[in-house]
């Protein structure tokens, strides 16, 4: 079982940013003043639950950090790029160092993002697009690793 000590500072930061970034990316994709409060609450609730209740000790440890993965003034495009990069780095680190924790990591990222999307008025088209982006980012590393060399 891997712990924080098994990862570099950059890998750890990417794994944490992947979790919170996924939720924030979905939240800013369809902004609304009151919706933002509901979505922020859903993000905090699910990250806290991951910290206290996840079956993976590594995911529980990752969910301790709640740093914002990008600045509050980041555009949607900047937030998407930062989140996708963090998720790619996180998946690569987990595939290399703790593949047994990868399914739990992916599940918590998707759970956080989905709960934020559902927090206010159902899932909008822009939120659905970002959920697809998150799914693709989580699966991209695995697919490229499985692809035969050209």
C-alpha atoms as a PDB file:
ATOM      1  CA  UNK A   1       0.000   0.000   0.000  1.00  0.00           C
ATOM      2  CA  UNK A   2       1.425   3.343  -1.077  1.00  0.00           C
ATOM      3  CA  UNK A   3       1.613   6.467   1.067  1.00  0.00           C
ATOM      4  CA  UNK A   4       2.613  10.065   0.485  1.00  0.00           C
ATOM      5  CA  UNK A   5       6.261   9.082   1.027  1.00  0.00           C
ATOM      6  CA  UNK A   6       6.137   6.961  -2.155  1.00  0.00           C
ATOM      7  CA  UNK A   7       5.440   9.961  -4.394  1.00  0.00           C
ATOM      8  CA  UNK A   8       7.331  13.106  -5.319  1.00  0.00           C
ATOM      9  CA  UNK A   9       5.955  16.450  -4.177  1.00  0.00           C
ATOM     10  CA  UNK A  10       4.814  17.190  -7.747  1.00  0.00           C
ATOM     11  CA  UNK A  11       3.077  13.816  -8.084  1.00  0.00           C
ATOM     12  CA  UNK A  12       1.293  14.283  -4.770  1.00  0.00           C
ATOM     13  CA  UNK A  13       0.206  17.795  -5.695  1.00  0.00           C
ATOM     14  CA  UNK A  14      -1.121  16.567  -9.066  1.00  0.00           C
ATOM     15  CA  UNK A  15      -3.124  13.798  -7.399  1.00  0.00           C
ATOM     16  CA  UNK A  16      -4.686  16.257  -4.940  1.00  0.00           C
ATOM     17  CA  UNK A  17      -5.341  18.830  -7.657  1.00  0.00           C
ATOM     18  CA  UNK A  18      -7.004  16.184  -9.776  1.00  0.00           C
ATOM     19  CA  UNK A  19      -9.604  15.566  -7.086  1.00  0.00           C
ATOM     20  CA  UNK A  20     -10.449  19.177  -6.266  1.00  0.00           C
ATOM     21  CA  UNK A  21      -9.839  20.383  -9.817  1.00  0.00           C
ATOM     22  CA  UNK A  22     -12.454  18.003 -11.202  1.00  0.00           C
ATOM     23  CA  UNK A  23     -15.091  19.434  -8.889  1.00  0.00           C
ATOM     24  CA  UNK A  24     -14.090  23.026  -9.492  1.00  0.00           C
ATOM     25  CA  UNK A  25     -13.957  22.523 -13.261  1.00  0.00           C
ATOM     26  CA  UNK A  26     -17.534  21.276 -13.300  1.00  0.00           C
ATOM     27  CA  UNK A  27     -18.637  24.119 -11.003  1.00  0.00           C
ATOM     28  CA  UNK A  28     -17.201  26.911 -13.142  1.00  0.00           C
ATOM     29  CA  UNK A  29     -18.440  25.388 -16.389  1.00  0.00           C
ATOM     30  CA  UNK A  30     -21.988  26.544 -15.585  1.00  0.00           C
ATOM     31  CA  UNK A  31     -21.641  29.460 -13.173  1.00  0.00           C
ATOM     32  CA  UNK A  32     -24.505  30.849 -11.185  1.00  0.00           C
ATOM     33  CA  UNK A  33     -24.337  32.814  -7.937  1.00  0.00           C
ATOM     34  CA  UNK A  34     -26.502  30.543  -5.763  1.00  0.00           C
ATOM     35  CA  UNK A  35     -25.467  27.418  -7.655  1.00  0.00           C
ATOM     36  CA  UNK A  36     -21.858  28.146  -6.727  1.00  0.00           C
ATOM     37  CA  UNK A  37     -22.646  27.796  -3.022  1.00  0.00           C
ATOM     38  CA  UNK A  38     -24.429  24.481  -3.561  1.00  0.00           C
ATOM     39  CA  UNK A  39     -21.610  23.187  -5.744  1.00  0.00           C
ATOM     40  CA  UNK A  40     -18.890  24.310  -3.323  1.00  0.00           C
ATOM     41  CA  UNK A  41     -20.757  22.572  -0.526  1.00  0.00           C
ATOM     42  CA  UNK A  42     -21.025  19.361  -2.581  1.00  0.00           C
ATOM     43  CA  UNK A  43     -17.306  19.523  -3.379  1.00  0.00           C
ATOM     44  CA  UNK A  44     -16.337  19.994   0.263  1.00  0.00           C
ATOM     45  CA  UNK A  45     -18.725  17.257   1.416  1.00  0.00           C
ATOM     46  CA  UNK A  46     -17.430  14.655  -1.024  1.00  0.00           C
ATOM     47  CA  UNK A  47     -13.771  15.471  -0.436  1.00  0.00           C
ATOM     48  CA  UNK A  48     -14.387  15.191   3.318  1.00  0.00           C
ATOM     49  CA  UNK A  49     -16.149  11.855   2.833  1.00  0.00           C
ATOM     50  CA  UNK A  50     -13.215  10.616   0.766  1.00  0.00           C
ATOM     51  CA  UNK A  51     -10.911  11.672   3.592  1.00  0.00           C
ATOM     52  CA  UNK A  52     -12.881   9.869   6.284  1.00  0.00           C
ATOM     53  CA  UNK A  53     -14.614   6.941   4.574  1.00  0.00           C
ATOM     54  CA  UNK A  54     -12.755   5.824   1.448  1.00  0.00           C
ATOM     55  CA  UNK A  55     -11.584   2.204   1.404  1.00  0.00           C
ATOM     56  CA  UNK A  56      -8.209   3.305   0.001  1.00  0.00           C
ATOM     57  CA  UNK A  57      -5.831   4.661   2.644  1.00  0.00           C
ATOM     58  CA  UNK A  58      -4.016   6.550  -0.102  1.00  0.00           C
ATOM     59  CA  UNK A  59      -7.206   8.291  -1.248  1.00  0.00           C
ATOM     60  CA  UNK A  60      -8.046   9.156   2.372  1.00  0.00           C
ATOM     61  CA  UNK A  61      -4.591  10.721   2.718  1.00  0.00           C
ATOM     62  CA  UNK A  62      -4.904  12.590  -0.594  1.00  0.00           C
ATOM     63  CA  UNK A  63      -8.266  14.041   0.424  1.00  0.00           C
ATOM     64  CA  UNK A  64      -6.651  15.805   3.409  1.00  0.00           C
ATOM     65  CA  UNK A  65      -5.465  18.624   1.132  1.00  0.00           C
ATOM     66  CA  UNK A  66      -8.037  21.091  -0.053  1.00  0.00           C
ATOM     67  CA  UNK A  67      -5.909  23.567  -1.999  1.00  0.00           C
ATOM     68  CA  UNK A  68      -7.440  25.243  -4.996  1.00  0.00           C
ATOM     69  CA  UNK A  69      -5.835  23.773  -8.109  1.00  0.00           C
ATOM     70  CA  UNK A  70      -5.970  27.025 -10.064  1.00  0.00           C
ATOM     71  CA  UNK A  71      -6.569  30.667  -9.302  1.00  0.00           C
ATOM     72  CA  UNK A  72     -10.020  32.036  -8.609  1.00  0.00           C
ATOM     73  CA  UNK A  73      -9.728  34.193 -11.717  1.00  0.00           C
ATOM     74  CA  UNK A  74      -8.818  31.304 -14.026  1.00  0.00           C
ATOM     75  CA  UNK A  75     -10.875  31.051 -17.183  1.00  0.00           C
ATOM     76  CA  UNK A  76     -12.818  27.891 -17.926  1.00  0.00           C
ATOM     77  CA  UNK A  77     -10.187  26.965 -20.537  1.00  0.00           C
ATOM     78  CA  UNK A  78      -7.345  27.467 -18.038  1.00  0.00           C
ATOM     79  CA  UNK A  79      -9.193  25.429 -15.416  1.00  0.00           C
ATOM     80  CA  UNK A  80      -9.827  22.629 -17.897  1.00  0.00           C
ATOM     81  CA  UNK A  81      -6.187  22.562 -18.996  1.00  0.00           C
ATOM     82  CA  UNK A  82      -4.886  22.560 -15.413  1.00  0.00           C
ATOM     83  CA  UNK A  83      -7.299  19.823 -14.348  1.00  0.00           C
ATOM     84  CA  UNK A  84      -6.578  17.600 -17.350  1.00  0.00           C
ATOM     85  CA  UNK A  85      -2.822  17.989 -16.820  1.00  0.00           C
ATOM     86  CA  UNK A  86      -3.182  17.170 -13.120  1.00  0.00           C
ATOM     87  CA  UNK A  87      -5.302  14.106 -13.873  1.00  0.00           C
ATOM     88  CA  UNK A  88      -2.845  12.845 -16.498  1.00  0.00           C
ATOM     89  CA  UNK A  89       0.048  13.260 -14.048  1.00  0.00           C
ATOM     90  CA  UNK A  90      -1.931  11.644 -11.226  1.00  0.00           C
ATOM     91  CA  UNK A  91      -2.916   8.611 -13.281  1.00  0.00           C
ATOM     92  CA  UNK A  92       0.654   8.184 -14.553  1.00  0.00           C
ATOM     93  CA  UNK A  93       2.038   8.344 -10.998  1.00  0.00           C
ATOM     94  CA  UNK A  94      -0.522   5.870  -9.705  1.00  0.00           C
ATOM     95  CA  UNK A  95      -0.013   3.481 -12.623  1.00  0.00           C
ATOM     96  CA  UNK A  96       3.731   3.511 -11.930  1.00  0.00           C
ATOM     97  CA  UNK A  97       3.753   3.431  -8.144  1.00  0.00           C
ATOM     98  CA  UNK A  98       0.414   2.181  -6.821  1.00  0.00           C
ATOM     99  CA  UNK A  99      -1.815   0.678  -9.530  1.00  0.00           C
ATOM    100  CA  UNK A 100      -3.987  -0.982  -6.891  1.00  0.00           C
ATOM    101  CA  UNK A 101      -5.096   2.502  -5.756  1.00  0.00           C
ATOM    102  CA  UNK A 102      -5.912   3.759  -9.257  1.00  0.00           C
ATOM    103  CA  UNK A 103      -9.532   2.507  -9.358  1.00  0.00           C
ATOM    104  CA  UNK A 104     -10.286   4.158  -5.983  1.00  0.00           C
ATOM    105  CA  UNK A 105      -8.648   7.403  -7.148  1.00  0.00           C
ATOM    106  CA  UNK A 106     -10.626   7.459 -10.382  1.00  0.00           C
ATOM    107  CA  UNK A 107     -13.832   6.698  -8.482  1.00  0.00           C
ATOM    108  CA  UNK A 108     -13.376   9.560  -6.023  1.00  0.00           C
ATOM    109  CA  UNK A 109     -12.529  12.035  -8.813  1.00  0.00           C
ATOM    110  CA  UNK A 110     -15.630  11.021 -10.761  1.00  0.00           C
ATOM    111  CA  UNK A 111     -17.809  11.020  -7.632  1.00  0.00           C
ATOM    112  CA  UNK A 112     -16.702  14.522  -6.687  1.00  0.00           C
ATOM    113  CA  UNK A 113     -17.269  15.839 -10.215  1.00  0.00           C
ATOM    114  CA  UNK A 114     -20.670  14.148 -10.585  1.00  0.00           C
ATOM    115  CA  UNK A 115     -21.889  15.363  -7.188  1.00  0.00           C
ATOM    116  CA  UNK A 116     -20.906  18.934  -8.035  1.00  0.00           C
ATOM    117  CA  UNK A 117     -22.716  18.661 -11.382  1.00  0.00           C
ATOM    118  CA  UNK A 118     -25.877  17.420  -9.668  1.00  0.00           C
ATOM    119  CA  UNK A 119     -25.751  19.933  -6.810  1.00  0.00           C
ATOM    120  CA  UNK A 120     -27.863  22.611  -8.462  1.00  0.00           C
ATOM    121  CA  UNK A 121     -30.694  22.216 -10.965  1.00  0.00           C
ATOM    122  CA  UNK A 122     -29.420  18.950 -12.440  1.00  0.00           C
ATOM    123  CA  UNK A 123     -26.564  18.410 -14.871  1.00  0.00           C
ATOM    124  CA  UNK A 124     -26.302  21.097 -17.557  1.00  0.00           C
ATOM    125  CA  UNK A 125     -24.868  20.543 -21.042  1.00  0.00           C
ATOM    126  CA  UNK A 126     -21.655  22.368 -20.146  1.00  0.00           C
ATOM    127  CA  UNK A 127     -21.279  20.312 -16.954  1.00  0.00           C
ATOM    128  CA  UNK A 128     -21.868  17.125 -18.932  1.00  0.00           C
ATOM    129  CA  UNK A 129     -19.141  18.181 -21.373  1.00  0.00           C
ATOM    130  CA  UNK A 130     -16.693  18.681 -18.509  1.00  0.00           C
ATOM    131  CA  UNK A 131     -17.655  15.322 -16.980  1.00  0.00           C
ATOM    132  CA  UNK A 132     -16.756  13.761 -20.340  1.00  0.00           C
ATOM    133  CA  UNK A 133     -13.447  15.676 -20.313  1.00  0.00           C
ATOM    134  CA  UNK A 134     -12.672  14.325 -16.835  1.00  0.00           C
ATOM    135  CA  UNK A 135     -13.539  10.752 -17.857  1.00  0.00           C
ATOM    136  CA  UNK A 136     -11.299  11.066 -20.919  1.00  0.00           C
ATOM    137  CA  UNK A 137      -8.412  12.494 -18.890  1.00  0.00           C
ATOM    138  CA  UNK A 138      -8.624   9.645 -16.381  1.00  0.00           C
ATOM    139  CA  UNK A 139      -8.684   7.034 -19.141  1.00  0.00           C
ATOM    140  CA  UNK A 140      -6.109   8.607 -21.496  1.00  0.00           C
ATOM    141  CA  UNK A 141      -3.017   7.300 -19.705  1.00  0.00           C
ATOM    142  CA  UNK A 142      -4.326   3.747 -19.489  1.00  0.00           C
ATOM    143  CA  UNK A 143      -5.238   3.741 -23.159  1.00  0.00           C
ATOM    144  CA  UNK A 144      -1.874   5.135 -24.254  1.00  0.00           C
ATOM    145  CA  UNK A 145      -0.038   2.612 -22.075  1.00  0.00           C
ATOM    146  CA  UNK A 146      -2.076  -0.228 -23.570  1.00  0.00           C
ATOM    147  CA  UNK A 147      -1.665   0.916 -27.165  1.00  0.00           C
ATOM    148  CA  UNK A 148       0.997  -0.936 -29.148  1.00  0.00           C
ATOM    149  CA  UNK A 149       3.902   1.211 -30.394  1.00  0.00           C
ATOM    150  CA  UNK A 150       3.526   2.501 -33.938  1.00  0.00           C
END
